[in-house]
Amino acid sequence: MSTPIPLPGQHRPTEAPPVEPTVVEADVDRLLDRLPSDGDAPMDLNVQAQILERAHEVLVQALSSVDKS
């Protein structure tokens, strides 16, 4: 008897919650709003890097959730 081949994602034990694009966009916008604009005082580069890294994580998590669904 042959073993059935699972469909993509069937091996995952839980379902990923649906991704709301407006929530992802709002989260990223909120993070990017913390960065200095033209004419603002300069910000420490390490702080800027941390903000950009967090925004990147939000996007990666959203893409991963979409990929799992």
PDB file of N, CA and C in Angstrom:
ATOM      1  N   MET A   1       0.840  -1.173   0.000  1.00  0.00           N
ATOM      2  CA  MET A   1       0.000   0.000   0.000  1.00  0.00           C
ATOM      3  C   MET A   1       0.888   1.239   0.000  1.00  0.00           C
ATOM      4  N   SER A   2       0.564   2.217  -0.796  1.00  0.00           N
ATOM      5  CA  SER A   2       1.393   3.419  -0.890  1.00  0.00           C
ATOM      6  C   SER A   2       0.952   4.454   0.139  1.00  0.00           C
ATOM      7  N   THR A   3       1.913   5.263   0.551  1.00  0.00           N
ATOM      8  CA  THR A   3       1.655   6.340   1.506  1.00  0.00           C
ATOM      9  C   THR A   3       1.205   7.573   0.743  1.00  0.00           C
ATOM     10  N   PRO A   4       0.103   8.205   1.168  1.00  0.00           N
ATOM     11  CA  PRO A   4      -0.346   9.414   0.463  1.00  0.00           C
ATOM     12  C   PRO A   4       0.654  10.546   0.645  1.00  0.00           C
ATOM     13  N   ILE A   5       0.766  11.344  -0.373  1.00  0.00           N
ATOM     14  CA  ILE A   5       1.665  12.502  -0.339  1.00  0.00           C
ATOM     15  C   ILE A   5       0.867  13.697   0.165  1.00  0.00           C
ATOM     16  N   PRO A   6       1.341  14.337   1.268  1.00  0.00           N
ATOM     17  CA  PRO A   6       0.583  15.487   1.792  1.00  0.00           C
ATOM     18  C   PRO A   6       0.688  16.689   0.865  1.00  0.00           C
ATOM     19  N   LEU A   7      -0.355  17.480   0.876  1.00  0.00           N
ATOM     20  CA  LEU A   7      -0.333  18.733   0.135  1.00  0.00           C
ATOM     21  C   LEU A   7       0.533  19.740   0.876  1.00  0.00           C
ATOM     22  N   PRO A   8       1.026  20.761   0.189  1.00  0.00           N
ATOM     23  CA  PRO A   8       1.853  21.767   0.861  1.00  0.00           C
ATOM     24  C   PRO A   8       1.136  22.351   2.076  1.00  0.00           C
ATOM     25  N   GLY A   9       1.857  22.386   3.190  1.00  0.00           N
ATOM     26  CA  GLY A   9       1.330  22.965   4.408  1.00  0.00           C
ATOM     27  C   GLY A   9       0.557  22.008   5.290  1.00  0.00           C
ATOM     28  N   GLN A  10       0.226  20.807   4.800  1.00  0.00           N
ATOM     29  CA  GLN A  10      -0.543  19.859   5.600  1.00  0.00           C
ATOM     30  C   GLN A  10       0.248  19.311   6.780  1.00  0.00           C
ATOM     31  N   HIS A  11       1.549  19.350   6.704  1.00  0.00           N
ATOM     32  CA  HIS A  11       2.364  18.836   7.793  1.00  0.00           C
ATOM     33  C   HIS A  11       2.416  19.793   8.975  1.00  0.00           C
ATOM     34  N   ARG A  12       1.926  20.990   8.799  1.00  0.00           N
ATOM     35  CA  ARG A  12       1.960  21.983   9.876  1.00  0.00           C
ATOM     36  C   ARG A  12       0.838  21.693  10.862  1.00  0.00           C
ATOM     37  N   PRO A  13       1.148  21.707  12.169  1.00  0.00           N
ATOM     38  CA  PRO A  13       0.149  21.334  13.161  1.00  0.00           C
ATOM     39  C   PRO A  13      -0.963  22.356  13.383  1.00  0.00           C
ATOM     40  N   THR A  14      -0.711  23.628  13.138  1.00  0.00           N
ATOM     41  CA  THR A  14      -1.723  24.658  13.398  1.00  0.00           C
ATOM     42  C   THR A  14      -1.898  25.540  12.171  1.00  0.00           C
ATOM     43  N   GLU A  15      -3.049  26.143  12.125  1.00  0.00           N
ATOM     44  CA  GLU A  15      -3.334  27.085  11.046  1.00  0.00           C
ATOM     45  C   GLU A  15      -2.807  28.466  11.422  1.00  0.00           C
ATOM     46  N   ALA A  16      -2.228  29.145  10.474  1.00  0.00           N
ATOM     47  CA  ALA A  16      -1.752  30.513  10.710  1.00  0.00           C
ATOM     48  C   ALA A  16      -2.952  31.458  10.644  1.00  0.00           C
ATOM     49  N   PRO A  17      -2.986  32.456  11.512  1.00  0.00           N
ATOM     50  CA  PRO A  17      -4.099  33.415  11.441  1.00  0.00           C
ATOM     51  C   PRO A  17      -4.012  34.192  10.135  1.00  0.00           C
ATOM     52  N   PRO A  18      -5.154  34.613   9.615  1.00  0.00           N
ATOM     53  CA  PRO A  18      -5.110  35.373   8.359  1.00  0.00           C
ATOM     54  C   PRO A  18      -4.355  36.689   8.542  1.00  0.00           C
ATOM     55  N   VAL A  19      -3.695  37.087   7.483  1.00  0.00           N
ATOM     56  CA  VAL A  19      -2.922  38.327   7.507  1.00  0.00           C
ATOM     57  C   VAL A  19      -3.809  39.467   7.028  1.00  0.00           C
ATOM     58  N   GLU A  20      -3.876  40.498   7.838  1.00  0.00           N
ATOM     59  CA  GLU A  20      -4.633  41.694   7.471  1.00  0.00           C
ATOM     60  C   GLU A  20      -3.656  42.726   6.928  1.00  0.00           C
ATOM     61  N   PRO A  21      -3.678  42.992   5.631  1.00  0.00           N
ATOM     62  CA  PRO A  21      -2.731  43.947   5.048  1.00  0.00           C
ATOM     63  C   PRO A  21      -2.760  45.316   5.710  1.00  0.00           C
ATOM     64  N   THR A  22      -3.937  45.771   6.121  1.00  0.00           N
ATOM     65  CA  THR A  22      -4.015  47.092   6.746  1.00  0.00           C
ATOM     66  C   THR A  22      -3.295  47.119   8.092  1.00  0.00           C
ATOM     67  N   VAL A  23      -3.341  46.002   8.823  1.00  0.00           N
ATOM     68  CA  VAL A  23      -2.652  45.922  10.115  1.00  0.00           C
ATOM     69  C   VAL A  23      -1.141  45.913   9.894  1.00  0.00           C
ATOM     70  N   VAL A  24      -0.685  45.131   8.912  1.00  0.00           N
ATOM     71  CA  VAL A  24       0.746  45.067   8.601  1.00  0.00           C
ATOM     72  C   VAL A  24       1.235  46.448   8.165  1.00  0.00           C
ATOM     73  N   GLU A  25       0.482  47.082   7.289  1.00  0.00           N
ATOM     74  CA  GLU A  25       0.865  48.413   6.809  1.00  0.00           C
ATOM     75  C   GLU A  25       0.913  49.423   7.953  1.00  0.00           C
ATOM     76  N   ALA A  26      -0.061  49.359   8.838  1.00  0.00           N
ATOM     77  CA  ALA A  26      -0.091  50.288   9.974  1.00  0.00           C
ATOM     78  C   ALA A  26       1.100  50.048  10.908  1.00  0.00           C
ATOM     79  N   ASP A  27       1.429  48.776  11.144  1.00  0.00           N
ATOM     80  CA  ASP A  27       2.577  48.460  12.007  1.00  0.00           C
ATOM     81  C   ASP A  27       3.880  48.990  11.406  1.00  0.00           C
ATOM     82  N   VAL A  28       4.059  48.775  10.115  1.00  0.00           N
ATOM     83  CA  VAL A  28       5.283  49.240   9.452  1.00  0.00           C
ATOM     84  C   VAL A  28       5.319  50.769   9.426  1.00  0.00           C
ATOM     85  N   ASP A  29       4.189  51.394   9.111  1.00  0.00           N
ATOM     86  CA  ASP A  29       4.132  52.864   9.103  1.00  0.00           C
ATOM     87  C   ASP A  29       4.457  53.441  10.472  1.00  0.00           C
ATOM     88  N   ARG A  30       3.921  52.825  11.526  1.00  0.00           N
ATOM     89  CA  ARG A  30       4.175  53.288  12.888  1.00  0.00           C
ATOM     90  C   ARG A  30       5.664  53.222  13.199  1.00  0.00           C
ATOM     91  N   LEU A  31       6.322  52.160  12.768  1.00  0.00           N
ATOM     92  CA  LEU A  31       7.764  52.041  12.994  1.00  0.00           C
ATOM     93  C   LEU A  31       8.549  53.059  12.174  1.00  0.00           C
ATOM     94  N   LEU A  32       8.201  53.195  10.904  1.00  0.00           N
ATOM     95  CA  LEU A  32       8.934  54.115  10.033  1.00  0.00           C
ATOM     96  C   LEU A  32       8.717  55.574  10.431  1.00  0.00           C
ATOM     97  N   ASP A  33       7.576  55.875  11.047  1.00  0.00           N
ATOM     98  CA  ASP A  33       7.330  57.243  11.514  1.00  0.00           C
ATOM     99  C   ASP A  33       8.293  57.655  12.618  1.00  0.00           C
ATOM    100  N   ARG A  34       8.906  56.684  13.257  1.00  0.00           N
ATOM    101  CA  ARG A  34       9.875  56.991  14.320  1.00  0.00           C
ATOM    102  C   ARG A  34      11.225  57.447  13.752  1.00  0.00           C
ATOM    103  N   LEU A  35      11.451  57.205  12.461  1.00  0.00           N
ATOM    104  CA  LEU A  35      12.712  57.620  11.838  1.00  0.00           C
ATOM    105  C   LEU A  35      12.687  59.122  11.573  1.00  0.00           C
ATOM    106  N   PRO A  36      13.849  59.755  11.591  1.00  0.00           N
ATOM    107  CA  PRO A  36      13.875  61.207  11.350  1.00  0.00           C
ATOM    108  C   PRO A  36      13.541  61.548   9.898  1.00  0.00           C
ATOM    109  N   SER A  37      12.868  62.680   9.734  1.00  0.00           N
ATOM    110  CA  SER A  37      12.559  63.208   8.401  1.00  0.00           C
ATOM    111  C   SER A  37      13.598  64.250   8.043  1.00  0.00           C
ATOM    112  N   ASP A  38      13.489  64.790   6.837  1.00  0.00           N
ATOM    113  CA  ASP A  38      14.382  65.874   6.438  1.00  0.00           C
ATOM    114  C   ASP A  38      14.215  67.036   7.411  1.00  0.00           C
ATOM    115  N   GLY A  39      15.311  67.581   7.872  1.00  0.00           N
ATOM    116  CA  GLY A  39      15.271  68.710   8.778  1.00  0.00           C
ATOM    117  C   GLY A  39      15.214  68.314  10.249  1.00  0.00           C
ATOM    118  N   ASP A  40      14.948  67.032  10.540  1.00  0.00           N
ATOM    119  CA  ASP A  40      14.944  66.578  11.933  1.00  0.00           C
ATOM    120  C   ASP A  40      16.376  66.398  12.419  1.00  0.00           C
ATOM    121  N   ALA A  41      16.520  66.380  13.719  1.00  0.00           N
ATOM    122  CA  ALA A  41      17.836  66.105  14.301  1.00  0.00           C
ATOM    123  C   ALA A  41      18.238  64.665  13.958  1.00  0.00           C
ATOM    124  N   PRO A  42      19.526  64.451  13.725  1.00  0.00           N
ATOM    125  CA  PRO A  42      19.951  63.093  13.390  1.00  0.00           C
ATOM    126  C   PRO A  42      19.684  62.126  14.543  1.00  0.00           C
ATOM    127  N   MET A  43      19.470  60.888  14.173  1.00  0.00           N
ATOM    128  CA  MET A  43      19.212  59.830  15.149  1.00  0.00           C
ATOM    129  C   MET A  43      20.395  58.872  15.140  1.00  0.00           C
ATOM    130  N   ASP A  44      20.674  58.285  16.271  1.00  0.00           N
ATOM    131  CA  ASP A  44      21.739  57.302  16.368  1.00  0.00           C
ATOM    132  C   ASP A  44      21.508  56.193  15.337  1.00  0.00           C
ATOM    133  N   LEU A  45      22.559  55.825  14.630  1.00  0.00           N
ATOM    134  CA  LEU A  45      22.429  54.814  13.578  1.00  0.00           C
ATOM    135  C   LEU A  45      22.006  53.463  14.122  1.00  0.00           C
ATOM    136  N   ASN A  46      22.421  53.136  15.331  1.00  0.00           N
ATOM    137  CA  ASN A  46      22.011  51.860  15.922  1.00  0.00           C
ATOM    138  C   ASN A  46      20.507  51.833  16.175  1.00  0.00           C
ATOM    139  N   VAL A  47      19.964  52.956  16.596  1.00  0.00           N
ATOM    140  CA  VAL A  47      18.521  53.048  16.827  1.00  0.00           C
ATOM    141  C   VAL A  47      17.780  52.938  15.500  1.00  0.00           C
ATOM    142  N   GLN A  48      18.281  53.618  14.479  1.00  0.00           N
ATOM    143  CA  GLN A  48      17.666  53.516  13.150  1.00  0.00           C
ATOM    144  C   GLN A  48      17.696  52.078  12.656  1.00  0.00           C
ATOM    145  N   ALA A  49      18.811  51.413  12.843  1.00  0.00           N
ATOM    146  CA  ALA A  49      18.947  50.024  12.409  1.00  0.00           C
ATOM    147  C   ALA A  49      17.952  49.127  13.139  1.00  0.00           C
ATOM    148  N   GLN A  50      17.763  49.364  14.424  1.00  0.00           N
ATOM    149  CA  GLN A  50      16.812  48.555  15.197  1.00  0.00           C
ATOM    150  C   GLN A  50      15.383  48.764  14.703  1.00  0.00           C
ATOM    151  N   ILE A  51      15.039  50.003  14.389  1.00  0.00           N
ATOM    152  CA  ILE A  51      13.694  50.299  13.883  1.00  0.00           C
ATOM    153  C   ILE A  51      13.482  49.623  12.534  1.00  0.00           C
ATOM    154  N   LEU A  52      14.458  49.747  11.642  1.00  0.00           N
ATOM    155  CA  LEU A  52      14.343  49.133  10.324  1.00  0.00           C
ATOM    156  C   LEU A  52      14.317  47.613  10.423  1.00  0.00           C
ATOM    157  N   GLU A  53      15.085  47.059  11.336  1.00  0.00           N
ATOM    158  CA  GLU A  53      15.086  45.604  11.526  1.00  0.00           C
ATOM    159  C   GLU A  53      13.722  45.118  12.013  1.00  0.00           C
ATOM    160  N   ARG A  54      13.113  45.863  12.923  1.00  0.00           N
ATOM    161  CA  ARG A  54      11.788  45.479  13.416  1.00  0.00           C
ATOM    162  C   ARG A  54      10.747  45.571  12.306  1.00  0.00           C
ATOM    163  N   ALA A  55      10.818  46.615  11.481  1.00  0.00           N
ATOM    164  CA  ALA A  55       9.891  46.739  10.348  1.00  0.00           C
ATOM    165  C   ALA A  55      10.082  45.568   9.385  1.00  0.00           C
ATOM    166  N   HIS A  56      11.313  45.181   9.175  1.00  0.00           N
ATOM    167  CA  HIS A  56      11.612  44.036   8.316  1.00  0.00           C
ATOM    168  C   HIS A  56      11.015  42.760   8.909  1.00  0.00           C
ATOM    169  N   GLU A  57      11.127  42.583  10.211  1.00  0.00           N
ATOM    170  CA  GLU A  57      10.566  41.400  10.875  1.00  0.00           C
ATOM    171  C   GLU A  57       9.046  41.339  10.712  1.00  0.00           C
ATOM    172  N   VAL A  58       8.395  42.488  10.819  1.00  0.00           N
ATOM    173  CA  VAL A  58       6.938  42.542  10.640  1.00  0.00           C
ATOM    174  C   VAL A  58       6.581  42.063   9.232  1.00  0.00           C
ATOM    175  N   LEU A  59       7.313  42.531   8.231  1.00  0.00           N
ATOM    176  CA  LEU A  59       7.039  42.136   6.851  1.00  0.00           C
ATOM    177  C   LEU A  59       7.333  40.663   6.614  1.00  0.00           C
ATOM    178  N   VAL A  60       8.438  40.170   7.161  1.00  0.00           N
ATOM    179  CA  VAL A  60       8.794  38.759   6.989  1.00  0.00           C
ATOM    180  C   VAL A  60       7.740  37.860   7.646  1.00  0.00           C
ATOM    181  N   GLN A  61       7.283  38.232   8.840  1.00  0.00           N
ATOM    182  CA  GLN A  61       6.258  37.441   9.520  1.00  0.00           C
ATOM    183  C   GLN A  61       4.960  37.423   8.719  1.00  0.00           C
ATOM    184  N   ALA A  62       4.616  38.551   8.137  1.00  0.00           N
ATOM    185  CA  ALA A  62       3.400  38.611   7.326  1.00  0.00           C
ATOM    186  C   ALA A  62       3.533  37.720   6.091  1.00  0.00           C
ATOM    187  N   LEU A  63       4.668  37.794   5.432  1.00  0.00           N
ATOM    188  CA  LEU A  63       4.894  36.944   4.255  1.00  0.00           C
ATOM    189  C   LEU A  63       4.900  35.480   4.626  1.00  0.00           C
ATOM    190  N   SER A  64       5.488  35.152   5.747  1.00  0.00           N
ATOM    191  CA  SER A  64       5.526  33.766   6.208  1.00  0.00           C
ATOM    192  C   SER A  64       4.111  33.259   6.498  1.00  0.00           C
ATOM    193  N   SER A  65       3.300  34.104   7.109  1.00  0.00           N
ATOM    194  CA  SER A  65       1.916  33.705   7.410  1.00  0.00           C
ATOM    195  C   SER A  65       1.116  33.490   6.129  1.00  0.00           C
ATOM    196  N   VAL A  66       1.342  34.335   5.151  1.00  0.00           N
ATOM    197  CA  VAL A  66       0.636  34.186   3.876  1.00  0.00           C
ATOM    198  C   VAL A  66       1.103  32.909   3.188  1.00  0.00           C
ATOM    199  N   ASP A  67       2.389  32.624   3.265  1.00  0.00           N
ATOM    200  CA  ASP A  67       2.947  31.433   2.642  1.00  0.00           C
ATOM    201  C   ASP A  67       2.369  30.158   3.267  1.00  0.00           C
ATOM    202  N   LYS A  68       2.096  30.192   4.573  1.00  0.00           N
ATOM    203  CA  LYS A  68       1.586  29.028   5.281  1.00  0.00           C
ATOM    204  C   LYS A  68       0.109  28.786   4.995  1.00  0.00           C
ATOM    205  N   SER A  69      -0.600  29.815   4.598  1.00  0.00           N
ATOM    206  CA  SER A  69      -2.043  29.637   4.394  1.00  0.00           C
ATOM    207  C   SER A  69      -2.365  29.152   3.000  1.00  0.00           C
TER     208      SER A  69
END
